[in-house]
Amino acid sequence: MGWNSSHDDDVLVVGLGRFGAAAALELRRLGHKVTAIEKDGFLAEKFLGRLSHVIHGDASDVQVIRDAKAGRFEKAVVAIGSSVEASVLACANLADANVPDIWGKALSPEHARILERIGVHHIVRPEADTGRRVAHLLGGRMQEYIEFDDGFAIVKMRPPTEAIGFTLEQSAIRSKYGVTIVGVKAPGEDFTYAVPSTKVSAHDTLIVSGPTTLIERLASRP
């Protein structure tokens, strides 16, 4: 889904522990408006001014979710790490508020199964999914995001409009953006290494490598 309409870039993050804080701050850096709900007053205060809006409250309480007008958010991340019960209740409240895209952090396979049953769309396992990585995937175009320590990343992403219908040589993505298209995968076909004559279609998945900041620039293109 796109991020161009008025509220599309508004994200709700529930829980500002290590994972939630990393996701919230990275989403903010990527240009999204981030509202956070955190029940620990000290933590909530710590993030005042660093996010668009911080609500001190317990998201497992349906009234807190209603007061936050959660239904207006296109996307929400439930990053509660201390209690399975609090996580499940918060996710259920967001599902009831008809948030169309809910990402929930699961502490165990059992927790993941419960979240799936109550309507969470994306299950995040924190050993594999850092908060920063989820922030990138949430933006829509990127499907996989692996960042290495030196600011270099490899991503799977949908092609930008300017590449569709052209060969890699014609669209000149590398010279324009400073990133390398390593491979292209058409639906139902095997991954193929990219060469200058590789033609990109709208349904292809691109494997792109390069400096994180330059990949972000490409991913933010329409």
C-alpha atoms as a PDB file:
ATOM      1  CA  MET A   1       0.000   0.000   0.000  1.00  0.00           C
ATOM      2  CA  GLY A   2       1.112   3.563  -0.616  1.00  0.00           C
ATOM      3  CA  TRP A   3       2.097   6.181   1.914  1.00  0.00           C
ATOM      4  CA  ASN A   4       0.920   9.285   0.084  1.00  0.00           C
ATOM      5  CA  SER A   5      -2.510  10.150   1.509  1.00  0.00           C
ATOM      6  CA  SER A   6      -2.943  12.389   4.532  1.00  0.00           C
ATOM      7  CA  HIS A   7      -2.760   9.769   7.296  1.00  0.00           C
ATOM      8  CA  ASP A   8      -0.858   7.068   5.446  1.00  0.00           C
ATOM      9  CA  ASP A   9       2.408   7.999   7.112  1.00  0.00           C
ATOM     10  CA  ASP A  10       0.938   7.988  10.636  1.00  0.00           C
ATOM     11  CA  VAL A  11       2.071   4.943  12.615  1.00  0.00           C
ATOM     12  CA  LEU A  12       1.036   3.907  16.128  1.00  0.00           C
ATOM     13  CA  VAL A  13       3.720   2.166  18.219  1.00  0.00           C
ATOM     14  CA  VAL A  14       2.622   0.440  21.443  1.00  0.00           C
ATOM     15  CA  GLY A  15       5.449  -0.071  23.930  1.00  0.00           C
ATOM     16  CA  LEU A  16       8.731   1.859  24.014  1.00  0.00           C
ATOM     17  CA  GLY A  17      11.075  -0.830  25.292  1.00  0.00           C
ATOM     18  CA  ARG A  18      14.254  -1.490  23.338  1.00  0.00           C
ATOM     19  CA  PHE A  19      12.486  -2.984  20.311  1.00  0.00           C
ATOM     20  CA  GLY A  20       9.596  -0.493  20.181  1.00  0.00           C
ATOM     21  CA  ALA A  21      11.900   2.495  20.725  1.00  0.00           C
ATOM     22  CA  ALA A  22      14.196   1.386  17.882  1.00  0.00           C
ATOM     23  CA  ALA A  23      11.220   0.936  15.538  1.00  0.00           C
ATOM     24  CA  ALA A  24       9.621   4.264  16.563  1.00  0.00           C
ATOM     25  CA  LEU A  25      12.806   6.339  16.219  1.00  0.00           C
ATOM     26  CA  GLU A  26      13.678   4.769  12.854  1.00  0.00           C
ATOM     27  CA  LEU A  27      10.134   5.319  11.531  1.00  0.00           C
ATOM     28  CA  ARG A  28      10.408   8.942  12.633  1.00  0.00           C
ATOM     29  CA  ARG A  29      13.770   9.271  10.859  1.00  0.00           C
ATOM     30  CA  LEU A  30      12.227   7.804   7.707  1.00  0.00           C
ATOM     31  CA  GLY A  31       9.667  10.630   7.748  1.00  0.00           C
ATOM     32  CA  HIS A  32       6.617   9.022   9.346  1.00  0.00           C
ATOM     33  CA  LYS A  33       4.506  10.650  12.037  1.00  0.00           C
ATOM     34  CA  VAL A  34       4.763   8.354  15.048  1.00  0.00           C
ATOM     35  CA  THR A  35       2.356   8.242  17.982  1.00  0.00           C
ATOM     36  CA  ALA A  36       3.444   5.986  20.848  1.00  0.00           C
ATOM     37  CA  ILE A  37       1.516   4.521  23.787  1.00  0.00           C
ATOM     38  CA  GLU A  38       3.652   3.570  26.796  1.00  0.00           C
ATOM     39  CA  LYS A  39       2.365   2.658  30.257  1.00  0.00           C
ATOM     40  CA  ASP A  40       5.646   3.370  32.098  1.00  0.00           C
ATOM     41  CA  GLY A  41       5.570   7.088  32.924  1.00  0.00           C
ATOM     42  CA  PHE A  42       9.351   7.415  33.048  1.00  0.00           C
ATOM     43  CA  LEU A  43       9.768   5.859  29.584  1.00  0.00           C
ATOM     44  CA  ALA A  44       6.895   7.881  28.110  1.00  0.00           C
ATOM     45  CA  GLU A  45       8.482  11.109  29.381  1.00  0.00           C
ATOM     46  CA  LYS A  46      11.872  10.117  27.956  1.00  0.00           C
ATOM     47  CA  PHE A  47      10.439  10.126  24.411  1.00  0.00           C
ATOM     48  CA  LEU A  48       8.479  13.374  24.637  1.00  0.00           C
ATOM     49  CA  GLY A  49       9.653  15.623  21.814  1.00  0.00           C
ATOM     50  CA  ARG A  50      11.445  12.783  20.028  1.00  0.00           C
ATOM     51  CA  LEU A  51       8.249  11.340  18.505  1.00  0.00           C
ATOM     52  CA  SER A  52       5.209  13.127  17.081  1.00  0.00           C
ATOM     53  CA  HIS A  53       3.021  12.270  20.074  1.00  0.00           C
ATOM     54  CA  VAL A  54       3.501  10.184  23.225  1.00  0.00           C
ATOM     55  CA  ILE A  55       0.536   8.901  25.243  1.00  0.00           C
ATOM     56  CA  HIS A  56       1.111   7.687  28.805  1.00  0.00           C
ATOM     57  CA  GLY A  57      -1.366   4.821  29.120  1.00  0.00           C
ATOM     58  CA  ASP A  58      -1.992   1.079  29.041  1.00  0.00           C
ATOM     59  CA  ALA A  59      -2.958  -0.154  25.549  1.00  0.00           C
ATOM     60  CA  SER A  60      -4.513  -3.306  27.024  1.00  0.00           C
ATOM     61  CA  ASP A  61      -7.248  -0.945  28.324  1.00  0.00           C
ATOM     62  CA  VAL A  62      -9.762  -0.481  25.495  1.00  0.00           C
ATOM     63  CA  GLN A  63     -10.519   3.089  26.657  1.00  0.00           C
ATOM     64  CA  VAL A  64      -6.873   4.124  26.107  1.00  0.00           C
ATOM     65  CA  ILE A  65      -7.075   2.786  22.518  1.00  0.00           C
ATOM     66  CA  ARG A  66     -10.344   4.663  21.956  1.00  0.00           C
ATOM     67  CA  ASP A  67      -8.929   7.889  23.385  1.00  0.00           C
ATOM     68  CA  ALA A  68      -5.924   7.561  21.074  1.00  0.00           C
ATOM     69  CA  LYS A  69      -8.377   7.313  18.117  1.00  0.00           C
ATOM     70  CA  ALA A  70      -6.460   4.209  17.029  1.00  0.00           C
ATOM     71  CA  GLY A  71      -8.839   3.564  14.143  1.00  0.00           C
ATOM     72  CA  ARG A  72      -7.360   6.488  12.190  1.00  0.00           C
ATOM     73  CA  PHE A  73      -3.944   4.818  11.938  1.00  0.00           C
ATOM     74  CA  GLU A  74      -3.166   2.784   8.822  1.00  0.00           C
ATOM     75  CA  LYS A  75      -0.445   0.818  10.632  1.00  0.00           C
ATOM     76  CA  ALA A  76       0.367  -0.134  14.206  1.00  0.00           C
ATOM     77  CA  VAL A  77       3.289  -1.933  15.838  1.00  0.00           C
ATOM     78  CA  VAL A  78       2.637  -3.708  19.160  1.00  0.00           C
ATOM     79  CA  ALA A  79       6.088  -4.004  20.723  1.00  0.00           C
ATOM     80  CA  ILE A  80       5.106  -5.035  24.269  1.00  0.00           C
ATOM     81  CA  GLY A  81       7.794  -7.391  25.519  1.00  0.00           C
ATOM     82  CA  SER A  82       7.017  -7.846  29.204  1.00  0.00           C
ATOM     83  CA  SER A  83       3.660  -9.625  29.145  1.00  0.00           C
ATOM     84  CA  VAL A  84       1.982 -11.941  26.656  1.00  0.00           C
ATOM     85  CA  GLU A  85      -1.401 -11.038  28.128  1.00  0.00           C
ATOM     86  CA  ALA A  86      -0.840  -7.270  27.716  1.00  0.00           C
ATOM     87  CA  SER A  87       0.363  -7.835  24.152  1.00  0.00           C
ATOM     88  CA  VAL A  88      -2.661  -9.975  23.237  1.00  0.00           C
ATOM     89  CA  LEU A  89      -5.127  -7.482  24.747  1.00  0.00           C
ATOM     90  CA  ALA A  90      -3.470  -4.521  22.991  1.00  0.00           C
ATOM     91  CA  CYS A  91      -3.522  -6.365  19.648  1.00  0.00           C
ATOM     92  CA  ALA A  92      -7.167  -7.373  20.148  1.00  0.00           C
ATOM     93  CA  ASN A  93      -8.081  -3.748  20.923  1.00  0.00           C
ATOM     94  CA  LEU A  94      -6.369  -2.566  17.726  1.00  0.00           C
ATOM     95  CA  ALA A  95      -8.049  -5.309  15.675  1.00  0.00           C
ATOM     96  CA  ASP A  96     -11.411  -4.231  17.146  1.00  0.00           C
ATOM     97  CA  ALA A  97     -10.581  -0.633  16.172  1.00  0.00           C
ATOM     98  CA  ASN A  98     -10.156  -1.896  12.569  1.00  0.00           C
ATOM     99  CA  VAL A  99      -6.504  -0.886  12.167  1.00  0.00           C
ATOM    100  CA  PRO A 100      -5.802  -2.351   8.697  1.00  0.00           C
ATOM    101  CA  ASP A 101      -2.159  -3.318   9.187  1.00  0.00           C
ATOM    102  CA  ILE A 102      -1.035  -4.570  12.630  1.00  0.00           C
ATOM    103  CA  TRP A 103       2.498  -5.754  13.374  1.00  0.00           C
ATOM    104  CA  GLY A 104       2.882  -7.680  16.642  1.00  0.00           C
ATOM    105  CA  LYS A 105       6.032  -8.747  18.470  1.00  0.00           C
ATOM    106  CA  ALA A 106       5.769 -12.384  19.598  1.00  0.00           C
ATOM    107  CA  LEU A 107       7.792 -13.746  22.514  1.00  0.00           C
ATOM    108  CA  SER A 108       7.280 -17.434  21.606  1.00  0.00           C
ATOM    109  CA  PRO A 109       5.712 -19.608  18.882  1.00  0.00           C
ATOM    110  CA  GLU A 110       2.616 -20.007  21.094  1.00  0.00           C
ATOM    111  CA  HIS A 111       2.293 -16.238  21.461  1.00  0.00           C
ATOM    112  CA  ALA A 112       2.679 -15.896  17.661  1.00  0.00           C
ATOM    113  CA  ARG A 113      -0.202 -18.347  17.068  1.00  0.00           C
ATOM    114  CA  ILE A 114      -2.502 -16.394  19.410  1.00  0.00           C
ATOM    115  CA  LEU A 115      -1.654 -13.103  17.690  1.00  0.00           C
ATOM    116  CA  GLU A 116      -2.411 -14.639  14.285  1.00  0.00           C
ATOM    117  CA  ARG A 117      -5.786 -15.866  15.507  1.00  0.00           C
ATOM    118  CA  ILE A 118      -6.862 -12.462  16.788  1.00  0.00           C
ATOM    119  CA  GLY A 119      -6.083 -10.796  13.467  1.00  0.00           C
ATOM    120  CA  VAL A 120      -2.481  -9.534  13.645  1.00  0.00           C
ATOM    121  CA  HIS A 121      -1.246  -9.224  10.051  1.00  0.00           C
ATOM    122  CA  HIS A 122       2.533  -9.484  10.584  1.00  0.00           C
ATOM    123  CA  ILE A 123       4.206 -11.443  13.371  1.00  0.00           C
ATOM    124  CA  VAL A 124       7.638 -10.180  14.392  1.00  0.00           C
ATOM    125  CA  ARG A 125      10.111 -12.440  16.187  1.00  0.00           C
ATOM    126  CA  PRO A 126      12.628 -10.110  17.872  1.00  0.00           C
ATOM    127  CA  GLU A 127      15.580 -12.509  17.620  1.00  0.00           C
ATOM    128  CA  ALA A 128      15.337 -12.179  13.839  1.00  0.00           C
ATOM    129  CA  ASP A 129      13.629  -8.813  13.451  1.00  0.00           C
ATOM    130  CA  THR A 130      15.234  -5.746  14.946  1.00  0.00           C
ATOM    131  CA  GLY A 131      13.069  -2.673  15.510  1.00  0.00           C
ATOM    132  CA  ARG A 132      14.995  -0.778  12.830  1.00  0.00           C
ATOM    133  CA  ARG A 133      14.486  -3.542  10.285  1.00  0.00           C
ATOM    134  CA  VAL A 134      10.739  -3.628  10.921  1.00  0.00           C
ATOM    135  CA  ALA A 135      10.598   0.152  10.441  1.00  0.00           C
ATOM    136  CA  HIS A 136      11.993  -0.322   6.929  1.00  0.00           C
ATOM    137  CA  LEU A 137       9.682  -3.216   6.036  1.00  0.00           C
ATOM    138  CA  LEU A 138       6.668  -1.271   7.324  1.00  0.00           C
ATOM    139  CA  GLY A 139       7.195   1.412   4.677  1.00  0.00           C
ATOM    140  CA  GLY A 140       5.724  -0.901   2.069  1.00  0.00           C
ATOM    141  CA  ARG A 141       8.146  -1.244  -0.841  1.00  0.00           C
ATOM    142  CA  MET A 142      10.803  -3.328   0.921  1.00  0.00           C
ATOM    143  CA  GLN A 143       9.958  -6.967   1.648  1.00  0.00           C
ATOM    144  CA  GLU A 144      13.200  -8.120   3.260  1.00  0.00           C
ATOM    145  CA  TYR A 145      15.863  -5.923   4.823  1.00  0.00           C
ATOM    146  CA  ILE A 146      19.247  -7.094   6.083  1.00  0.00           C
ATOM    147  CA  GLU A 147      21.570  -4.399   7.412  1.00  0.00           C
ATOM    148  CA  PHE A 148      25.221  -5.039   8.128  1.00  0.00           C
ATOM    149  CA  ASP A 149      27.190  -3.157  10.788  1.00  0.00           C
ATOM    150  CA  ASP A 150      28.964  -0.855   8.359  1.00  0.00           C
ATOM    151  CA  GLY A 151      25.798   0.804   7.020  1.00  0.00           C
ATOM    152  CA  PHE A 152      25.511  -1.576   4.061  1.00  0.00           C
ATOM    153  CA  ALA A 153      22.245  -3.399   3.342  1.00  0.00           C
ATOM    154  CA  ILE A 154      20.714  -6.003   1.061  1.00  0.00           C
ATOM    155  CA  VAL A 155      16.964  -5.727   0.452  1.00  0.00           C
ATOM    156  CA  LYS A 156      14.194  -7.420  -1.481  1.00  0.00           C
ATOM    157  CA  MET A 157      11.859  -4.761  -2.863  1.00  0.00           C
ATOM    158  CA  ARG A 158       9.224  -3.964  -5.446  1.00  0.00           C
ATOM    159  CA  PRO A 159      10.612  -2.042  -8.429  1.00  0.00           C
ATOM    160  CA  PRO A 160      10.213   1.738  -8.580  1.00  0.00           C
ATOM    161  CA  THR A 161       7.988   3.005 -11.424  1.00  0.00           C
ATOM    162  CA  GLU A 162      10.946   4.413 -13.352  1.00  0.00           C
ATOM    163  CA  ALA A 163      12.451   0.908 -13.746  1.00  0.00           C
ATOM    164  CA  ILE A 164       9.285  -0.868 -14.974  1.00  0.00           C
ATOM    165  CA  GLY A 165       9.271  -1.791 -18.656  1.00  0.00           C
ATOM    166  CA  PHE A 166      12.941  -0.948 -19.119  1.00  0.00           C
ATOM    167  CA  THR A 167      16.180  -2.899 -19.048  1.00  0.00           C
ATOM    168  CA  LEU A 168      18.592  -2.151 -16.186  1.00  0.00           C
ATOM    169  CA  GLU A 169      20.846  -0.449 -18.715  1.00  0.00           C
ATOM    170  CA  GLN A 170      18.019   1.870 -19.825  1.00  0.00           C
ATOM    171  CA  SER A 171      16.784   2.789 -16.324  1.00  0.00           C
ATOM    172  CA  ALA A 172      20.374   3.347 -15.082  1.00  0.00           C
ATOM    173  CA  ILE A 173      19.396   2.766 -11.433  1.00  0.00           C
ATOM    174  CA  ARG A 174      23.013   2.192 -10.444  1.00  0.00           C
ATOM    175  CA  SER A 175      24.336   5.491 -11.777  1.00  0.00           C
ATOM    176  CA  LYS A 176      21.275   7.441 -10.511  1.00  0.00           C
ATOM    177  CA  TYR A 177      21.120   5.983  -6.990  1.00  0.00           C
ATOM    178  CA  GLY A 178      24.510   4.400  -6.310  1.00  0.00           C
ATOM    179  CA  VAL A 179      23.024   0.981  -5.527  1.00  0.00           C
ATOM    180  CA  THR A 180      23.376  -2.334  -7.349  1.00  0.00           C
ATOM    181  CA  ILE A 181      20.488  -4.500  -8.535  1.00  0.00           C
ATOM    182  CA  VAL A 182      21.929  -7.943  -7.858  1.00  0.00           C
ATOM    183  CA  GLY A 183      19.034 -10.006  -9.133  1.00  0.00           C
ATOM    184  CA  VAL A 184      15.455 -10.079 -10.353  1.00  0.00           C
ATOM    185  CA  LYS A 185      12.745 -12.633  -9.555  1.00  0.00           C
ATOM    186  CA  ALA A 186       9.550 -12.933 -11.583  1.00  0.00           C
ATOM    187  CA  PRO A 187       6.490 -14.526  -9.876  1.00  0.00           C
ATOM    188  CA  GLY A 188       6.715 -18.325  -9.988  1.00  0.00           C
ATOM    189  CA  GLU A 189      10.156 -18.291 -11.586  1.00  0.00           C
ATOM    190  CA  ASP A 190      13.637 -18.808 -10.226  1.00  0.00           C
ATOM    191  CA  PHE A 191      15.827 -15.918  -9.095  1.00  0.00           C
ATOM    192  CA  THR A 192      18.139 -14.725 -11.925  1.00  0.00           C
ATOM    193  CA  TYR A 193      21.275 -12.627 -11.601  1.00  0.00           C
ATOM    194  CA  ALA A 194      20.823  -9.202 -13.114  1.00  0.00           C
ATOM    195  CA  VAL A 195      22.659  -8.148 -16.269  1.00  0.00           C
ATOM    196  CA  PRO A 196      22.362  -4.841 -18.204  1.00  0.00           C
ATOM    197  CA  SER A 197      19.842  -6.401 -20.611  1.00  0.00           C
ATOM    198  CA  THR A 198      17.552  -7.683 -17.802  1.00  0.00           C
ATOM    199  CA  LYS A 199      14.084  -6.157 -18.302  1.00  0.00           C
ATOM    200  CA  VAL A 200      12.053  -5.301 -15.188  1.00  0.00           C
ATOM    201  CA  SER A 201       8.276  -5.810 -15.021  1.00  0.00           C
ATOM    202  CA  ALA A 202       5.837  -4.457 -12.425  1.00  0.00           C
ATOM    203  CA  HIS A 203       5.413  -7.868 -10.770  1.00  0.00           C
ATOM    204  CA  ASP A 204       9.124  -8.555 -10.348  1.00  0.00           C
ATOM    205  CA  THR A 205      10.982  -8.538  -7.054  1.00  0.00           C
ATOM    206  CA  LEU A 206      14.392  -6.837  -7.069  1.00  0.00           C
ATOM    207  CA  ILE A 207      17.341  -7.816  -4.883  1.00  0.00           C
ATOM    208  CA  VAL A 208      19.280  -4.601  -4.249  1.00  0.00           C
ATOM    209  CA  SER A 209      22.532  -3.990  -2.370  1.00  0.00           C
ATOM    210  CA  GLY A 210      24.339  -0.837  -1.351  1.00  0.00           C
ATOM    211  CA  PRO A 211      24.702   1.774   1.408  1.00  0.00           C
ATOM    212  CA  THR A 212      21.583   1.892   3.607  1.00  0.00           C
ATOM    213  CA  THR A 213      20.967   5.613   3.011  1.00  0.00           C
ATOM    214  CA  LEU A 214      21.090   5.198  -0.777  1.00  0.00           C
ATOM    215  CA  ILE A 215      18.763   2.178  -0.706  1.00  0.00           C
ATOM    216  CA  GLU A 216      16.314   4.261   1.377  1.00  0.00           C
ATOM    217  CA  ARG A 217      16.400   6.934  -1.334  1.00  0.00           C
ATOM    218  CA  LEU A 218      15.525   4.371  -4.012  1.00  0.00           C
ATOM    219  CA  ALA A 219      12.806   2.782  -1.849  1.00  0.00           C
ATOM    220  CA  SER A 220      11.149   6.162  -1.275  1.00  0.00           C
ATOM    221  CA  ARG A 221      10.687   6.708  -5.035  1.00  0.00           C
ATOM    222  CA  PRO A 222       7.139   6.176  -6.374  1.00  0.00           C
END
